[in-house]
Amino acid sequence: MIFWWFKIIAIGLFSLFFLVYGIETLIGAYSLKSPMDFVMFFFSASFMILVSGVGLIFSFFRIYNHFKLPEGGDTEKTDEAEFHR
């Protein structure tokens, strides 16, 4: 269980770091003089922000589901119980 927490928190922290780095790269792209360099930095920073956002969303929902689901974590039983209410 400790390894699970370490993995999820590490993914979240790395994603947060690369999100900030991607935003800084995107801001820095606007100061470039060459149009080719701008396009290259702009799209690479946008991709970095996209992937980092997915990592943050993944970590958030894993932790959210861990606290939301009952002990055992079987999502099918939880969905069926909510459906029959």
C-alpha atoms as a PDB file:
ATOM      1  CA  MET A   1       0.000   0.000   0.000  1.00  0.00           C
ATOM      2  CA  ILE A   2       2.872   2.361   0.704  1.00  0.00           C
ATOM      3  CA  PHE A   3       4.274   1.731  -2.764  1.00  0.00           C
ATOM      4  CA  TRP A   4       0.863   2.661  -4.253  1.00  0.00           C
ATOM      5  CA  TRP A   5       0.836   5.982  -2.391  1.00  0.00           C
ATOM      6  CA  PHE A   6       4.454   6.686  -3.359  1.00  0.00           C
ATOM      7  CA  LYS A   7       3.713   5.972  -7.032  1.00  0.00           C
ATOM      8  CA  ILE A   8       0.608   8.177  -7.167  1.00  0.00           C
ATOM      9  CA  ILE A   9       2.237  11.063  -5.294  1.00  0.00           C
ATOM     10  CA  ALA A  10       5.397  10.818  -7.440  1.00  0.00           C
ATOM     11  CA  ILE A  11       3.316  10.959 -10.635  1.00  0.00           C
ATOM     12  CA  GLY A  12       1.457  13.982  -9.282  1.00  0.00           C
ATOM     13  CA  LEU A  13       4.632  15.814  -8.257  1.00  0.00           C
ATOM     14  CA  PHE A  14       6.434  15.109 -11.530  1.00  0.00           C
ATOM     15  CA  SER A  15       3.347  16.219 -13.430  1.00  0.00           C
ATOM     16  CA  LEU A  16       3.149  19.427 -11.406  1.00  0.00           C
ATOM     17  CA  PHE A  17       6.844  20.139 -12.044  1.00  0.00           C
ATOM     18  CA  PHE A  18       6.509  19.603 -15.788  1.00  0.00           C
ATOM     19  CA  LEU A  19       3.297  21.636 -15.886  1.00  0.00           C
ATOM     20  CA  VAL A  20       5.129  24.628 -14.410  1.00  0.00           C
ATOM     21  CA  TYR A  21       8.125  24.017 -16.685  1.00  0.00           C
ATOM     22  CA  GLY A  22       5.815  23.768 -19.718  1.00  0.00           C
ATOM     23  CA  ILE A  23       4.111  27.055 -18.835  1.00  0.00           C
ATOM     24  CA  GLU A  24       7.488  28.758 -18.434  1.00  0.00           C
ATOM     25  CA  THR A  25       8.607  27.337 -21.786  1.00  0.00           C
ATOM     26  CA  LEU A  26       5.412  28.541 -23.431  1.00  0.00           C
ATOM     27  CA  ILE A  27       5.895  32.055 -22.044  1.00  0.00           C
ATOM     28  CA  GLY A  28       9.544  32.006 -23.132  1.00  0.00           C
ATOM     29  CA  ALA A  29       8.566  30.968 -26.660  1.00  0.00           C
ATOM     30  CA  TYR A  30       6.995  34.374 -27.256  1.00  0.00           C
ATOM     31  CA  SER A  31      10.350  36.113 -26.816  1.00  0.00           C
ATOM     32  CA  LEU A  32      12.033  34.142 -29.625  1.00  0.00           C
ATOM     33  CA  LYS A  33      12.899  35.948 -32.849  1.00  0.00           C
ATOM     34  CA  SER A  34      12.888  33.035 -35.292  1.00  0.00           C
ATOM     35  CA  PRO A  35       9.432  31.824 -36.390  1.00  0.00           C
ATOM     36  CA  MET A  36      10.636  28.221 -36.684  1.00  0.00           C
ATOM     37  CA  ASP A  37      11.987  28.273 -33.140  1.00  0.00           C
ATOM     38  CA  PHE A  38       8.736  29.793 -31.914  1.00  0.00           C
ATOM     39  CA  VAL A  39       6.621  27.085 -33.530  1.00  0.00           C
ATOM     40  CA  MET A  40       8.897  24.337 -32.198  1.00  0.00           C
ATOM     41  CA  PHE A  41       8.890  25.697 -28.639  1.00  0.00           C
ATOM     42  CA  PHE A  42       5.172  26.528 -28.724  1.00  0.00           C
ATOM     43  CA  PHE A  43       4.056  23.031 -29.720  1.00  0.00           C
ATOM     44  CA  SER A  44       6.530  21.266 -27.447  1.00  0.00           C
ATOM     45  CA  ALA A  45       5.419  23.372 -24.478  1.00  0.00           C
ATOM     46  CA  SER A  46       1.766  22.764 -25.316  1.00  0.00           C
ATOM     47  CA  PHE A  47       2.367  19.016 -25.471  1.00  0.00           C
ATOM     48  CA  MET A  48       4.248  19.139 -22.164  1.00  0.00           C
ATOM     49  CA  ILE A  49       1.335  20.979 -20.547  1.00  0.00           C
ATOM     50  CA  LEU A  50      -1.154  18.460 -21.980  1.00  0.00           C
ATOM     51  CA  VAL A  51       0.737  15.408 -20.722  1.00  0.00           C
ATOM     52  CA  SER A  52       1.313  17.004 -17.317  1.00  0.00           C
ATOM     53  CA  GLY A  53      -2.365  17.821 -17.010  1.00  0.00           C
ATOM     54  CA  VAL A  54      -3.249  14.198 -17.699  1.00  0.00           C
ATOM     55  CA  GLY A  55      -0.806  13.091 -14.997  1.00  0.00           C
ATOM     56  CA  LEU A  56      -2.357  15.462 -12.471  1.00  0.00           C
ATOM     57  CA  ILE A  57      -5.887  14.362 -13.358  1.00  0.00           C
ATOM     58  CA  PHE A  58      -4.822  10.705 -13.089  1.00  0.00           C
ATOM     59  CA  SER A  59      -3.346  11.265  -9.616  1.00  0.00           C
ATOM     60  CA  PHE A  60      -6.341  13.263  -8.445  1.00  0.00           C
ATOM     61  CA  PHE A  61      -8.899  10.664  -9.484  1.00  0.00           C
ATOM     62  CA  ARG A  62      -6.864   7.755  -8.104  1.00  0.00           C
ATOM     63  CA  ILE A  63      -6.696   9.423  -4.687  1.00  0.00           C
ATOM     64  CA  TYR A  64     -10.325  10.559  -4.909  1.00  0.00           C
ATOM     65  CA  ASN A  65     -11.528   7.036  -5.730  1.00  0.00           C
ATOM     66  CA  HIS A  66      -9.392   5.596  -2.941  1.00  0.00           C
ATOM     67  CA  PHE A  67     -11.207   7.706  -0.356  1.00  0.00           C
ATOM     68  CA  LYS A  68     -14.628   7.525  -2.016  1.00  0.00           C
ATOM     69  CA  LEU A  69     -14.911   3.767  -2.548  1.00  0.00           C
ATOM     70  CA  PRO A  70     -15.646   1.430   0.352  1.00  0.00           C
ATOM     71  CA  GLU A  71     -12.980  -0.895   1.701  1.00  0.00           C
ATOM     72  CA  GLY A  72     -12.144  -3.452  -0.971  1.00  0.00           C
ATOM     73  CA  GLY A  73     -12.530  -0.924  -3.775  1.00  0.00           C
ATOM     74  CA  ASP A  74     -14.797  -2.947  -6.081  1.00  0.00           C
ATOM     75  CA  THR A  75     -16.309  -0.334  -8.413  1.00  0.00           C
ATOM     76  CA  GLU A  76     -18.840  -2.716  -9.964  1.00  0.00           C
ATOM     77  CA  LYS A  77     -20.540  -3.425  -6.636  1.00  0.00           C
ATOM     78  CA  THR A  78     -20.636   0.278  -5.803  1.00  0.00           C
ATOM     79  CA  ASP A  79     -22.179   1.179  -9.181  1.00  0.00           C
ATOM     80  CA  GLU A  80     -24.814  -1.550  -8.843  1.00  0.00           C
ATOM     81  CA  ALA A  81     -25.742  -0.443  -5.321  1.00  0.00           C
ATOM     82  CA  GLU A  82     -26.191   3.179  -6.469  1.00  0.00           C
ATOM     83  CA  PHE A  83     -28.257   2.046  -9.473  1.00  0.00           C
ATOM     84  CA  HIS A  84     -30.757   0.110  -7.378  1.00  0.00           C
ATOM     85  CA  ARG A  85     -31.414   2.968  -4.942  1.00  0.00           C
END
